[in-house]
Amino acid sequence: MNTLYHYPLSPFSRKVRLCLAEKKIEVGLVEERYWEQSPEFLRRNPAAKVPVLKMNGRLMSESTAICEYLEEVQPTPPLMPRDAEGRYEVRRLVGWFDDKFYHEVTSKLIGERVYRKVMGRGYPDSANVKAGARAIKYHLDYMAHLLEHRRWLAGNEMTLADFAGAAHLSCLDYTSDVDWNRHEVVKDWYAKIKSRPAFRSLLADEVPGFQPAAHYADLDF
């Protein structure tokens, strides 16, 4: 049995979960309190990060590397374009979400509202929360700009870039930190992904002590 060591509100874990589900690769989920850095988990990944995928007798870490591995061993349905230019654009946007978006938005909103409490690191830093709330507006504007010229974020087909973006926004939607009224085109894009069978397990996630937003699991939000 394949196993994914993950944390429910980790966007990197969610990106891998979406890829696994889209490609219909069965996997057992094991929630990992990675910040505790247990010796057992450090043996799986010395970097002490989730996700970690145990598949075909090997352990794999780093979410993008895992997703590209899955694309190579299970190319159908495809999540990467065939042409070099298309693959570049997907990788650029995955990097955008997992680096810039994460540091400017996800880490400041989910990090302060959720991670601080579950990790026992005190109260949220209001300056970080305000910075994240400002920054997400810019990122939603950029996504709208892309989607006004394309059917999906990286082009006219759904790709790993869409799963990367949806992984981050779904975490933020859990805590009601996304203004879906800012851009109808972004809301429509998210609704399409949210309605996919691959998304179902994410909508069932619950973190003890944090109730999801009332609309979180609603497909007609």
N, C-alpha and C. Protein backbone atom coordinates (compact mmCIF):
# COMPACT_ATOMS: atom_id res chain seq x y z
N MET A 1 0.85 -1.20 0.00
CA MET A 1 0.00 0.00 0.00
C MET A 1 0.88 1.24 0.00
N ASN A 2 0.60 2.16 -0.92
CA ASN A 2 1.30 3.44 -0.93
C ASN A 2 0.86 4.26 0.28
N THR A 3 1.77 5.05 0.81
CA THR A 3 1.47 5.86 2.00
C THR A 3 1.96 7.28 1.79
N LEU A 4 1.11 8.26 2.13
CA LEU A 4 1.52 9.66 2.09
C LEU A 4 1.48 10.22 3.50
N TYR A 5 2.65 10.62 3.98
CA TYR A 5 2.76 11.30 5.26
C TYR A 5 2.53 12.79 4.98
N HIS A 6 1.51 13.35 5.62
CA HIS A 6 1.06 14.69 5.23
C HIS A 6 0.55 15.44 6.44
N TYR A 7 0.21 16.72 6.22
CA TYR A 7 -0.54 17.49 7.21
C TYR A 7 -1.71 18.12 6.46
N PRO A 8 -2.93 18.06 7.02
CA PRO A 8 -4.12 18.48 6.26
C PRO A 8 -4.06 19.89 5.68
N LEU A 9 -3.53 20.85 6.42
CA LEU A 9 -3.49 22.23 5.91
C LEU A 9 -2.09 22.61 5.41
N SER A 10 -1.37 21.64 4.92
CA SER A 10 -0.12 21.90 4.21
C SER A 10 -0.43 21.99 2.72
N PRO A 11 -0.20 23.13 2.09
CA PRO A 11 -0.49 23.23 0.65
C PRO A 11 0.38 22.29 -0.18
N PHE A 12 1.58 22.00 0.31
CA PHE A 12 2.47 21.10 -0.42
C PHE A 12 1.95 19.67 -0.37
N SER A 13 1.41 19.28 0.78
CA SER A 13 0.76 17.97 0.90
C SER A 13 -0.46 17.90 0.01
N ARG A 14 -1.24 18.97 0.00
CA ARG A 14 -2.47 18.98 -0.79
C ARG A 14 -2.18 18.89 -2.29
N LYS A 15 -1.13 19.52 -2.73
CA LYS A 15 -0.77 19.45 -4.14
C LYS A 15 -0.50 18.00 -4.55
N VAL A 16 0.23 17.27 -3.72
CA VAL A 16 0.53 15.86 -4.01
C VAL A 16 -0.74 15.02 -3.92
N ARG A 17 -1.58 15.29 -2.93
CA ARG A 17 -2.83 14.55 -2.81
C ARG A 17 -3.69 14.72 -4.06
N LEU A 18 -3.75 15.94 -4.58
CA LEU A 18 -4.53 16.18 -5.80
C LEU A 18 -3.98 15.39 -6.98
N CYS A 19 -2.67 15.37 -7.11
CA CYS A 19 -2.06 14.63 -8.22
C CYS A 19 -2.33 13.13 -8.10
N LEU A 20 -2.17 12.60 -6.90
CA LEU A 20 -2.43 11.17 -6.68
C LEU A 20 -3.88 10.83 -7.01
N ALA A 21 -4.81 11.66 -6.53
CA ALA A 21 -6.22 11.37 -6.75
C ALA A 21 -6.60 11.52 -8.21
N GLU A 22 -6.06 12.56 -8.88
CA GLU A 22 -6.36 12.77 -10.30
C GLU A 22 -5.89 11.60 -11.14
N LYS A 23 -4.75 11.03 -10.76
CA LYS A 23 -4.19 9.90 -11.50
C LYS A 23 -4.69 8.55 -10.99
N LYS A 24 -5.61 8.62 -10.01
CA LYS A 24 -6.25 7.42 -9.46
C LYS A 24 -5.22 6.44 -8.88
N ILE A 25 -4.24 7.00 -8.19
CA ILE A 25 -3.25 6.18 -7.50
C ILE A 25 -3.68 6.07 -6.04
N GLU A 26 -3.99 4.86 -5.61
CA GLU A 26 -4.48 4.67 -4.25
C GLU A 26 -3.34 4.90 -3.25
N VAL A 27 -3.69 5.57 -2.18
CA VAL A 27 -2.69 5.89 -1.17
C VAL A 27 -3.36 6.02 0.19
N GLY A 28 -2.67 5.53 1.22
CA GLY A 28 -3.14 5.72 2.58
C GLY A 28 -2.56 7.00 3.14
N LEU A 29 -3.38 7.76 3.85
CA LEU A 29 -2.92 9.03 4.42
C LEU A 29 -2.56 8.85 5.89
N VAL A 30 -1.38 9.34 6.25
CA VAL A 30 -0.94 9.33 7.64
C VAL A 30 -0.62 10.76 8.02
N GLU A 31 -1.40 11.32 8.97
CA GLU A 31 -1.16 12.69 9.40
C GLU A 31 0.13 12.76 10.20
N GLU A 32 0.99 13.70 9.85
CA GLU A 32 2.31 13.81 10.47
C GLU A 32 2.48 15.18 11.12
N ARG A 33 2.74 15.19 12.42
CA ARG A 33 3.05 16.43 13.13
C ARG A 33 4.56 16.69 12.93
N TYR A 34 4.88 17.12 11.75
CA TYR A 34 6.27 17.18 11.32
C TYR A 34 7.13 18.12 12.14
N TRP A 35 6.52 19.15 12.72
CA TRP A 35 7.29 20.12 13.50
C TRP A 35 7.85 19.51 14.79
N GLU A 36 7.29 18.37 15.22
CA GLU A 36 7.82 17.70 16.40
C GLU A 36 9.12 16.96 16.11
N GLN A 37 9.41 16.76 14.82
CA GLN A 37 10.67 16.16 14.38
C GLN A 37 10.98 14.85 15.12
N SER A 38 10.01 13.96 15.09
CA SER A 38 10.22 12.66 15.73
C SER A 38 11.34 11.92 15.01
N PRO A 39 12.13 11.11 15.74
CA PRO A 39 13.22 10.36 15.09
C PRO A 39 12.72 9.50 13.93
N GLU A 40 11.51 8.92 14.07
CA GLU A 40 10.97 8.07 13.01
C GLU A 40 10.73 8.88 11.74
N PHE A 41 10.14 10.09 11.90
CA PHE A 41 9.88 10.91 10.72
C PHE A 41 11.18 11.45 10.13
N LEU A 42 12.14 11.81 10.96
CA LEU A 42 13.42 12.30 10.45
C LEU A 42 14.14 11.23 9.65
N ARG A 43 13.91 9.98 9.99
CA ARG A 43 14.50 8.90 9.17
C ARG A 43 13.85 8.85 7.79
N ARG A 44 12.56 9.21 7.74
CA ARG A 44 11.88 9.23 6.44
C ARG A 44 12.32 10.44 5.61
N ASN A 45 12.47 11.58 6.27
CA ASN A 45 12.89 12.79 5.58
C ASN A 45 13.71 13.66 6.53
N PRO A 46 15.03 13.65 6.40
CA PRO A 46 15.88 14.45 7.29
C PRO A 46 15.57 15.95 7.24
N ALA A 47 14.90 16.40 6.18
CA ALA A 47 14.52 17.82 6.09
C ALA A 47 13.34 18.14 7.00
N ALA A 48 12.70 17.12 7.56
CA ALA A 48 11.58 17.29 8.50
C ALA A 48 10.43 18.09 7.88
N LYS A 49 10.12 17.78 6.63
CA LYS A 49 9.02 18.47 5.94
C LYS A 49 8.04 17.45 5.39
N VAL A 50 6.80 17.86 5.29
CA VAL A 50 5.81 17.06 4.56
C VAL A 50 5.55 17.74 3.21
N PRO A 51 5.13 16.94 2.25
CA PRO A 51 4.76 15.53 2.31
C PRO A 51 5.96 14.61 2.08
N VAL A 52 5.76 13.35 2.50
CA VAL A 52 6.68 12.27 2.16
C VAL A 52 5.83 11.14 1.60
N LEU A 53 6.16 10.68 0.42
CA LEU A 53 5.41 9.60 -0.23
C LEU A 53 6.22 8.31 -0.20
N LYS A 54 5.62 7.27 0.34
CA LYS A 54 6.21 5.93 0.28
C LYS A 54 5.52 5.17 -0.84
N MET A 55 6.27 4.88 -1.88
CA MET A 55 5.68 4.26 -3.08
C MET A 55 6.72 3.37 -3.74
N ASN A 56 6.28 2.19 -4.15
CA ASN A 56 7.17 1.25 -4.82
C ASN A 56 8.43 0.98 -4.01
N GLY A 57 8.25 0.91 -2.69
CA GLY A 57 9.37 0.55 -1.83
C GLY A 57 10.37 1.64 -1.56
N ARG A 58 10.06 2.87 -1.97
CA ARG A 58 11.00 3.96 -1.72
C ARG A 58 10.29 5.15 -1.09
N LEU A 59 11.07 5.99 -0.41
CA LEU A 59 10.54 7.20 0.21
C LEU A 59 10.92 8.40 -0.63
N MET A 60 9.95 9.26 -0.89
CA MET A 60 10.20 10.44 -1.71
C MET A 60 9.72 11.69 -1.00
N SER A 61 10.50 12.76 -1.09
CA SER A 61 10.14 14.03 -0.47
C SER A 61 10.21 15.14 -1.51
N GLU A 62 9.83 16.36 -1.10
CA GLU A 62 9.75 17.56 -1.95
C GLU A 62 8.56 17.42 -2.91
N SER A 63 7.55 18.23 -2.67
CA SER A 63 6.26 18.05 -3.34
C SER A 63 6.33 18.14 -4.86
N THR A 64 7.08 19.08 -5.40
CA THR A 64 7.14 19.21 -6.85
C THR A 64 7.88 18.04 -7.48
N ALA A 65 8.95 17.60 -6.83
CA ALA A 65 9.68 16.43 -7.32
C ALA A 65 8.77 15.20 -7.31
N ILE A 66 7.96 15.06 -6.26
CA ILE A 66 7.03 13.94 -6.18
C ILE A 66 6.02 14.02 -7.32
N CYS A 67 5.45 15.20 -7.54
CA CYS A 67 4.44 15.35 -8.60
C CYS A 67 5.01 15.06 -9.98
N GLU A 68 6.23 15.49 -10.23
CA GLU A 68 6.83 15.21 -11.54
C GLU A 68 7.18 13.73 -11.68
N TYR A 69 7.54 13.09 -10.57
CA TYR A 69 7.76 11.63 -10.59
C TYR A 69 6.45 10.92 -10.95
N LEU A 70 5.36 11.33 -10.31
CA LEU A 70 4.06 10.72 -10.61
C LEU A 70 3.67 10.93 -12.06
N GLU A 71 4.01 12.08 -12.61
CA GLU A 71 3.71 12.37 -14.01
C GLU A 71 4.47 11.41 -14.93
N GLU A 72 5.67 11.05 -14.56
CA GLU A 72 6.48 10.16 -15.40
C GLU A 72 6.04 8.71 -15.28
N VAL A 73 5.70 8.26 -14.08
CA VAL A 73 5.33 6.85 -13.92
C VAL A 73 3.85 6.61 -14.25
N GLN A 74 3.03 7.67 -14.18
CA GLN A 74 1.61 7.54 -14.50
C GLN A 74 1.20 8.75 -15.35
N PRO A 75 1.57 8.74 -16.63
CA PRO A 75 1.38 9.94 -17.48
C PRO A 75 -0.06 10.26 -17.85
N THR A 76 -1.00 9.37 -17.51
CA THR A 76 -2.41 9.60 -17.84
C THR A 76 -3.23 9.68 -16.56
N PRO A 77 -4.05 10.71 -16.42
CA PRO A 77 -4.18 11.89 -17.28
C PRO A 77 -2.99 12.83 -17.10
N PRO A 78 -2.60 13.50 -18.17
CA PRO A 78 -1.41 14.35 -18.10
C PRO A 78 -1.64 15.63 -17.29
N LEU A 79 -0.63 16.01 -16.52
CA LEU A 79 -0.67 17.26 -15.78
C LEU A 79 0.46 18.19 -16.19
N MET A 80 1.21 17.78 -17.21
CA MET A 80 2.27 18.62 -17.79
C MET A 80 2.09 18.64 -19.30
N PRO A 81 2.26 19.80 -19.93
CA PRO A 81 2.15 19.87 -21.39
C PRO A 81 3.29 19.08 -22.06
N ARG A 82 3.11 18.78 -23.33
CA ARG A 82 4.14 18.04 -24.06
C ARG A 82 5.26 18.93 -24.57
N ASP A 83 4.95 20.20 -24.82
CA ASP A 83 5.95 21.10 -25.40
C ASP A 83 6.77 21.78 -24.31
N ALA A 84 8.00 22.12 -24.65
CA ALA A 84 8.94 22.70 -23.68
C ALA A 84 8.43 24.02 -23.13
N GLU A 85 7.85 24.86 -23.98
CA GLU A 85 7.34 26.16 -23.54
C GLU A 85 6.21 25.99 -22.53
N GLY A 86 5.34 25.03 -22.81
CA GLY A 86 4.23 24.78 -21.90
C GLY A 86 4.70 24.25 -20.55
N ARG A 87 5.68 23.33 -20.57
CA ARG A 87 6.21 22.79 -19.32
C ARG A 87 6.92 23.88 -18.52
N TYR A 88 7.60 24.78 -19.23
CA TYR A 88 8.25 25.90 -18.55
C TYR A 88 7.22 26.75 -17.81
N GLU A 89 6.11 27.07 -18.49
CA GLU A 89 5.11 27.94 -17.87
C GLU A 89 4.48 27.26 -16.65
N VAL A 90 4.24 25.97 -16.74
CA VAL A 90 3.71 25.24 -15.58
C VAL A 90 4.69 25.31 -14.42
N ARG A 91 5.95 25.03 -14.69
CA ARG A 91 6.95 25.04 -13.62
C ARG A 91 7.13 26.45 -13.04
N ARG A 92 7.04 27.46 -13.89
CA ARG A 92 7.15 28.83 -13.40
C ARG A 92 6.04 29.15 -12.41
N LEU A 93 4.81 28.75 -12.75
CA LEU A 93 3.68 29.06 -11.88
C LEU A 93 3.67 28.19 -10.62
N VAL A 94 4.10 26.94 -10.73
CA VAL A 94 4.23 26.12 -9.52
C VAL A 94 5.23 26.78 -8.57
N GLY A 95 6.34 27.27 -9.13
CA GLY A 95 7.32 27.99 -8.32
C GLY A 95 6.74 29.25 -7.73
N TRP A 96 5.92 29.96 -8.50
CA TRP A 96 5.28 31.18 -8.02
C TRP A 96 4.45 30.91 -6.76
N PHE A 97 3.61 29.87 -6.84
CA PHE A 97 2.74 29.57 -5.70
C PHE A 97 3.52 28.99 -4.52
N ASP A 98 4.44 28.09 -4.79
CA ASP A 98 5.13 27.42 -3.68
C ASP A 98 6.24 28.27 -3.07
N ASP A 99 6.63 29.34 -3.74
CA ASP A 99 7.66 30.23 -3.20
C ASP A 99 7.03 31.58 -2.85
N LYS A 100 6.76 32.39 -3.85
CA LYS A 100 6.28 33.75 -3.61
C LYS A 100 4.94 33.78 -2.88
N PHE A 101 3.96 33.06 -3.40
CA PHE A 101 2.63 33.05 -2.77
C PHE A 101 2.73 32.49 -1.36
N TYR A 102 3.46 31.41 -1.18
CA TYR A 102 3.57 30.79 0.14
C TYR A 102 4.16 31.76 1.16
N HIS A 103 5.27 32.41 0.80
CA HIS A 103 5.94 33.28 1.75
C HIS A 103 5.18 34.59 2.00
N GLU A 104 4.48 35.08 0.98
CA GLU A 104 3.77 36.35 1.13
C GLU A 104 2.35 36.19 1.67
N VAL A 105 1.75 35.04 1.45
CA VAL A 105 0.34 34.88 1.82
C VAL A 105 0.11 33.68 2.75
N THR A 106 0.33 32.47 2.26
CA THR A 106 -0.02 31.28 3.04
C THR A 106 0.66 31.24 4.40
N SER A 107 1.96 31.47 4.42
CA SER A 107 2.69 31.38 5.69
C SER A 107 2.26 32.47 6.67
N LYS A 108 1.76 33.60 6.14
CA LYS A 108 1.37 34.71 7.01
C LYS A 108 -0.07 34.59 7.49
N LEU A 109 -0.92 33.90 6.77
CA LEU A 109 -2.31 33.73 7.19
C LEU A 109 -2.52 32.38 7.85
N ILE A 110 -2.31 31.29 7.13
CA ILE A 110 -2.42 29.97 7.75
C ILE A 110 -1.35 29.79 8.82
N GLY A 111 -0.15 30.27 8.51
CA GLY A 111 0.95 30.15 9.47
C GLY A 111 0.63 30.79 10.80
N GLU A 112 0.05 31.98 10.76
CA GLU A 112 -0.26 32.70 12.00
C GLU A 112 -1.56 32.20 12.64
N ARG A 113 -2.58 31.97 11.83
CA ARG A 113 -3.89 31.61 12.37
C ARG A 113 -3.94 30.17 12.87
N VAL A 114 -3.23 29.27 12.19
CA VAL A 114 -3.34 27.83 12.50
C VAL A 114 -2.04 27.27 13.05
N TYR A 115 -0.96 27.37 12.28
CA TYR A 115 0.28 26.70 12.67
C TYR A 115 0.79 27.14 14.04
N ARG A 116 0.71 28.42 14.32
CA ARG A 116 1.20 28.89 15.62
C ARG A 116 0.51 28.17 16.78
N LYS A 117 -0.80 28.01 16.66
CA LYS A 117 -1.55 27.37 17.74
C LYS A 117 -1.24 25.88 17.84
N VAL A 118 -1.31 25.18 16.72
CA VAL A 118 -1.10 23.73 16.79
C VAL A 118 0.34 23.38 17.16
N MET A 119 1.27 24.27 16.85
CA MET A 119 2.67 24.03 17.20
C MET A 119 3.03 24.56 18.59
N GLY A 120 2.06 25.21 19.24
CA GLY A 120 2.30 25.73 20.57
C GLY A 120 3.29 26.87 20.61
N ARG A 121 3.19 27.78 19.64
CA ARG A 121 4.15 28.87 19.53
C ARG A 121 3.53 30.24 19.81
N GLY A 122 2.47 30.25 20.60
CA GLY A 122 1.91 31.53 21.02
C GLY A 122 0.78 32.03 20.15
N TYR A 123 0.54 33.34 20.25
CA TYR A 123 -0.58 33.97 19.57
C TYR A 123 -0.17 34.50 18.19
N PRO A 124 -1.15 34.67 17.29
CA PRO A 124 -0.84 35.19 15.95
C PRO A 124 -0.20 36.57 16.00
N ASP A 125 0.71 36.80 15.07
CA ASP A 125 1.33 38.11 14.91
C ASP A 125 0.43 38.93 13.98
N SER A 126 -0.23 39.95 14.53
CA SER A 126 -1.21 40.70 13.74
C SER A 126 -0.58 41.40 12.54
N ALA A 127 0.69 41.78 12.66
CA ALA A 127 1.36 42.44 11.53
C ALA A 127 1.51 41.48 10.36
N ASN A 128 1.83 40.23 10.65
CA ASN A 128 1.94 39.22 9.59
C ASN A 128 0.58 38.95 8.96
N VAL A 129 -0.46 38.86 9.80
CA VAL A 129 -1.81 38.61 9.28
C VAL A 129 -2.23 39.74 8.34
N LYS A 130 -1.98 40.97 8.75
CA LYS A 130 -2.34 42.12 7.90
C LYS A 130 -1.54 42.11 6.60
N ALA A 131 -0.27 41.76 6.68
CA ALA A 131 0.56 41.70 5.47
C ALA A 131 0.05 40.64 4.51
N GLY A 132 -0.33 39.48 5.05
CA GLY A 132 -0.87 38.42 4.21
C GLY A 132 -2.18 38.80 3.57
N ALA A 133 -3.04 39.50 4.34
CA ALA A 133 -4.34 39.94 3.81
C ALA A 133 -4.17 40.97 2.70
N ARG A 134 -3.13 41.79 2.80
CA ARG A 134 -2.85 42.75 1.71
C ARG A 134 -2.30 42.03 0.49
N ALA A 135 -1.37 41.13 0.72
CA ALA A 135 -0.68 40.48 -0.39
C ALA A 135 -1.59 39.59 -1.22
N ILE A 136 -2.57 38.95 -0.59
CA ILE A 136 -3.42 38.02 -1.35
C ILE A 136 -4.20 38.77 -2.42
N LYS A 137 -4.51 40.05 -2.19
CA LYS A 137 -5.24 40.82 -3.20
C LYS A 137 -4.43 40.92 -4.49
N TYR A 138 -3.14 41.19 -4.34
CA TYR A 138 -2.26 41.29 -5.51
C TYR A 138 -2.20 39.95 -6.25
N HIS A 139 -2.12 38.86 -5.49
CA HIS A 139 -2.02 37.54 -6.12
C HIS A 139 -3.32 37.15 -6.83
N LEU A 140 -4.46 37.49 -6.23
CA LEU A 140 -5.73 37.22 -6.90
C LEU A 140 -5.85 38.05 -8.18
N ASP A 141 -5.35 39.26 -8.14
CA ASP A 141 -5.36 40.10 -9.34
C ASP A 141 -4.50 39.47 -10.44
N TYR A 142 -3.35 38.93 -10.06
CA TYR A 142 -2.47 38.30 -11.05
C TYR A 142 -3.11 37.05 -11.63
N MET A 143 -3.75 36.26 -10.78
CA MET A 143 -4.45 35.08 -11.27
C MET A 143 -5.56 35.47 -12.24
N ALA A 144 -6.29 36.52 -11.91
CA ALA A 144 -7.35 36.99 -12.79
C ALA A 144 -6.78 37.40 -14.15
N HIS A 145 -5.64 38.07 -14.12
CA HIS A 145 -4.97 38.48 -15.36
C HIS A 145 -4.66 37.26 -16.23
N LEU A 146 -4.15 36.20 -15.61
CA LEU A 146 -3.84 34.98 -16.36
C LEU A 146 -5.11 34.35 -16.92
N LEU A 147 -6.13 34.26 -16.09
CA LEU A 147 -7.35 33.55 -16.47
C LEU A 147 -8.21 34.33 -17.46
N GLU A 148 -7.97 35.60 -17.59
CA GLU A 148 -8.69 36.37 -18.60
C GLU A 148 -8.16 36.09 -20.01
N HIS A 149 -6.99 35.45 -20.09
CA HIS A 149 -6.39 35.14 -21.38
C HIS A 149 -6.24 33.63 -21.63
N ARG A 150 -6.57 32.83 -20.62
CA ARG A 150 -6.39 31.39 -20.73
C ARG A 150 -7.58 30.69 -20.05
N ARG A 151 -7.82 29.45 -20.43
CA ARG A 151 -8.87 28.67 -19.77
C ARG A 151 -8.42 28.24 -18.38
N TRP A 152 -7.12 27.91 -18.24
CA TRP A 152 -6.53 27.50 -16.98
C TRP A 152 -5.32 28.38 -16.71
N LEU A 153 -4.69 28.23 -15.57
CA LEU A 153 -3.62 29.15 -15.19
C LEU A 153 -2.45 29.17 -16.16
N ALA A 154 -2.03 27.99 -16.63
CA ALA A 154 -0.84 27.92 -17.47
C ALA A 154 -1.15 27.80 -18.95
N GLY A 155 -2.42 27.69 -19.30
CA GLY A 155 -2.77 27.52 -20.71
C GLY A 155 -4.20 27.07 -20.85
N ASN A 156 -4.48 26.34 -21.91
CA ASN A 156 -5.86 25.92 -22.18
C ASN A 156 -6.20 24.54 -21.65
N GLU A 157 -5.25 23.90 -20.97
CA GLU A 157 -5.50 22.61 -20.33
C GLU A 157 -5.14 22.70 -18.86
N MET A 158 -5.85 21.94 -18.03
CA MET A 158 -5.55 21.91 -16.61
C MET A 158 -4.20 21.23 -16.39
N THR A 159 -3.38 21.80 -15.51
CA THR A 159 -2.04 21.27 -15.28
C THR A 159 -1.70 21.31 -13.79
N LEU A 160 -0.48 20.90 -13.51
CA LEU A 160 0.04 20.95 -12.15
C LEU A 160 0.01 22.36 -11.58
N ALA A 161 0.11 23.37 -12.43
CA ALA A 161 0.03 24.75 -11.96
C ALA A 161 -1.31 25.04 -11.29
N ASP A 162 -2.38 24.49 -11.84
CA ASP A 162 -3.70 24.69 -11.26
C ASP A 162 -3.81 23.99 -9.91
N PHE A 163 -3.23 22.80 -9.80
CA PHE A 163 -3.27 22.10 -8.52
C PHE A 163 -2.42 22.81 -7.48
N ALA A 164 -1.31 23.40 -7.90
CA ALA A 164 -0.48 24.16 -6.94
C ALA A 164 -1.25 25.35 -6.41
N GLY A 165 -1.87 26.11 -7.32
CA GLY A 165 -2.66 27.27 -6.90
C GLY A 165 -3.84 26.88 -6.03
N ALA A 166 -4.55 25.82 -6.44
CA ALA A 166 -5.72 25.39 -5.68
C ALA A 166 -5.34 24.84 -4.32
N ALA A 167 -4.17 24.23 -4.21
CA ALA A 167 -3.72 23.71 -2.92
C ALA A 167 -3.55 24.83 -1.91
N HIS A 168 -2.94 25.93 -2.34
CA HIS A 168 -2.77 27.07 -1.43
C HIS A 168 -4.10 27.74 -1.13
N LEU A 169 -4.91 28.00 -2.16
CA LEU A 169 -6.16 28.70 -1.94
C LEU A 169 -7.15 27.87 -1.13
N SER A 170 -7.09 26.55 -1.26
CA SER A 170 -8.00 25.72 -0.47
C SER A 170 -7.67 25.79 1.02
N CYS A 171 -6.38 25.88 1.36
CA CYS A 171 -5.99 26.07 2.76
C CYS A 171 -6.54 27.40 3.27
N LEU A 172 -6.39 28.44 2.47
CA LEU A 172 -6.85 29.77 2.86
C LEU A 172 -8.38 29.85 2.89
N ASP A 173 -9.03 29.08 2.04
CA ASP A 173 -10.49 29.05 2.04
C ASP A 173 -11.01 28.38 3.30
N TYR A 174 -10.25 27.43 3.83
CA TYR A 174 -10.63 26.75 5.08
C TYR A 174 -10.83 27.77 6.20
N THR A 175 -9.96 28.78 6.22
CA THR A 175 -10.02 29.81 7.26
C THR A 175 -10.74 31.08 6.77
N SER A 176 -11.41 30.98 5.63
CA SER A 176 -12.20 32.09 5.07
C SER A 176 -11.33 33.32 4.78
N ASP A 177 -10.15 33.09 4.24
CA ASP A 177 -9.23 34.18 3.96
C ASP A 177 -9.16 34.55 2.47
N VAL A 178 -10.11 34.05 1.68
CA VAL A 178 -10.13 34.37 0.25
C VAL A 178 -11.39 35.17 -0.07
N ASP A 179 -11.22 36.32 -0.66
CA ASP A 179 -12.36 37.13 -1.11
C ASP A 179 -12.75 36.68 -2.51
N TRP A 180 -13.70 35.75 -2.58
CA TRP A 180 -14.08 35.20 -3.87
C TRP A 180 -14.86 36.21 -4.71
N ASN A 181 -15.28 37.30 -4.12
CA ASN A 181 -16.00 38.32 -4.89
C ASN A 181 -15.06 39.29 -5.60
N ARG A 182 -13.77 39.18 -5.36
CA ARG A 182 -12.83 40.12 -5.96
C ARG A 182 -12.75 39.93 -7.48
N HIS A 183 -12.73 38.65 -7.92
CA HIS A 183 -12.64 38.37 -9.35
C HIS A 183 -13.50 37.15 -9.67
N GLU A 184 -14.55 37.34 -10.45
CA GLU A 184 -15.43 36.24 -10.81
C GLU A 184 -14.69 35.15 -11.56
N VAL A 185 -13.71 35.54 -12.37
CA VAL A 185 -12.99 34.56 -13.17
C VAL A 185 -12.16 33.63 -12.29
N VAL A 186 -11.63 34.13 -11.19
CA VAL A 186 -10.88 33.28 -10.26
C VAL A 186 -11.83 32.36 -9.51
N LYS A 187 -12.96 32.88 -9.09
CA LYS A 187 -13.96 32.05 -8.41
C LYS A 187 -14.43 30.93 -9.33
N ASP A 188 -14.69 31.23 -10.60
CA ASP A 188 -15.13 30.21 -11.55
C ASP A 188 -14.06 29.14 -11.74
N TRP A 189 -12.80 29.57 -11.83
CA TRP A 189 -11.69 28.62 -11.96
C TRP A 189 -11.63 27.69 -10.75
N TYR A 190 -11.73 28.26 -9.55
CA TYR A 190 -11.65 27.44 -8.34
C TYR A 190 -12.85 26.50 -8.26
N ALA A 191 -14.02 26.96 -8.66
CA ALA A 191 -15.21 26.11 -8.63
C ALA A 191 -15.04 24.89 -9.52
N LYS A 192 -14.39 25.08 -10.67
CA LYS A 192 -14.16 23.94 -11.58
C LYS A 192 -13.26 22.91 -10.93
N ILE A 193 -12.20 23.37 -10.26
CA ILE A 193 -11.28 22.42 -9.62
C ILE A 193 -11.93 21.80 -8.39
N LYS A 194 -12.63 22.62 -7.64
CA LYS A 194 -13.28 22.15 -6.41
C LYS A 194 -14.30 21.05 -6.70
N SER A 195 -14.87 21.06 -7.89
CA SER A 195 -15.89 20.08 -8.27
C SER A 195 -15.30 18.77 -8.76
N ARG A 196 -14.00 18.70 -8.94
CA ARG A 196 -13.38 17.47 -9.45
C ARG A 196 -13.37 16.39 -8.36
N PRO A 197 -13.54 15.12 -8.76
CA PRO A 197 -13.46 14.04 -7.77
C PRO A 197 -12.17 14.04 -6.96
N ALA A 198 -11.08 14.49 -7.58
CA ALA A 198 -9.78 14.51 -6.89
C ALA A 198 -9.79 15.42 -5.68
N PHE A 199 -10.74 16.35 -5.63
CA PHE A 199 -10.77 17.35 -4.57
C PHE A 199 -11.55 16.89 -3.33
N ARG A 200 -12.28 15.79 -3.46
CA ARG A 200 -13.23 15.40 -2.41
C ARG A 200 -12.58 15.20 -1.05
N SER A 201 -11.44 14.53 -1.02
CA SER A 201 -10.82 14.25 0.28
C SER A 201 -10.36 15.53 0.96
N LEU A 202 -9.96 16.55 0.17
CA LEU A 202 -9.55 17.81 0.77
C LEU A 202 -10.74 18.50 1.45
N LEU A 203 -11.91 18.39 0.83
CA LEU A 203 -13.09 19.04 1.38
C LEU A 203 -13.58 18.36 2.65
N ALA A 204 -13.10 17.15 2.90
CA ALA A 204 -13.49 16.43 4.12
C ALA A 204 -12.51 16.67 5.27
N ASP A 205 -11.41 17.38 5.00
CA ASP A 205 -10.41 17.64 6.03
C ASP A 205 -10.97 18.49 7.15
N GLU A 206 -10.55 18.17 8.37
CA GLU A 206 -10.86 19.01 9.52
C GLU A 206 -9.66 19.01 10.45
N VAL A 207 -9.31 20.18 10.93
CA VAL A 207 -8.21 20.33 11.87
C VAL A 207 -8.81 20.60 13.25
N PRO A 208 -8.52 19.75 14.24
CA PRO A 208 -9.08 19.96 15.58
C PRO A 208 -8.79 21.37 16.10
N GLY A 209 -9.84 22.00 16.60
CA GLY A 209 -9.69 23.35 17.13
C GLY A 209 -9.95 24.44 16.11
N PHE A 210 -10.14 24.04 14.84
CA PHE A 210 -10.37 25.02 13.77
C PHE A 210 -11.49 24.52 12.87
N GLN A 211 -12.64 25.13 12.99
CA GLN A 211 -13.77 24.77 12.14
C GLN A 211 -13.58 25.38 10.76
N PRO A 212 -13.82 24.61 9.70
CA PRO A 212 -13.72 25.20 8.35
C PRO A 212 -14.81 26.23 8.13
N ALA A 213 -14.56 27.15 7.20
CA ALA A 213 -15.56 28.14 6.83
C ALA A 213 -16.84 27.43 6.39
N ALA A 214 -17.97 28.07 6.61
CA ALA A 214 -19.27 27.45 6.33
C ALA A 214 -19.38 27.01 4.88
N HIS A 215 -18.74 27.74 3.96
CA HIS A 215 -18.86 27.45 2.53
C HIS A 215 -17.75 26.51 2.05
N TYR A 216 -16.85 26.11 2.93
CA TYR A 216 -15.63 25.41 2.52
C TYR A 216 -15.91 24.18 1.65
N ALA A 217 -16.85 23.34 2.07
CA ALA A 217 -17.13 22.12 1.32
C ALA A 217 -18.29 22.27 0.34
N ASP A 218 -18.82 23.46 0.22
CA ASP A 218 -19.96 23.73 -0.66
C ASP A 218 -19.48 23.94 -2.09
N LEU A 219 -19.94 23.09 -2.99
CA LEU A 219 -19.52 23.22 -4.39
C LEU A 219 -20.18 24.41 -5.07
N ASP A 220 -21.28 24.89 -4.52
CA ASP A 220 -21.98 26.06 -5.07
C ASP A 220 -21.80 27.21 -4.10
N PHE A 221 -20.54 27.63 -3.94
CA PHE A 221 -20.23 28.63 -2.91
C PHE A 221 -20.34 30.06 -3.45
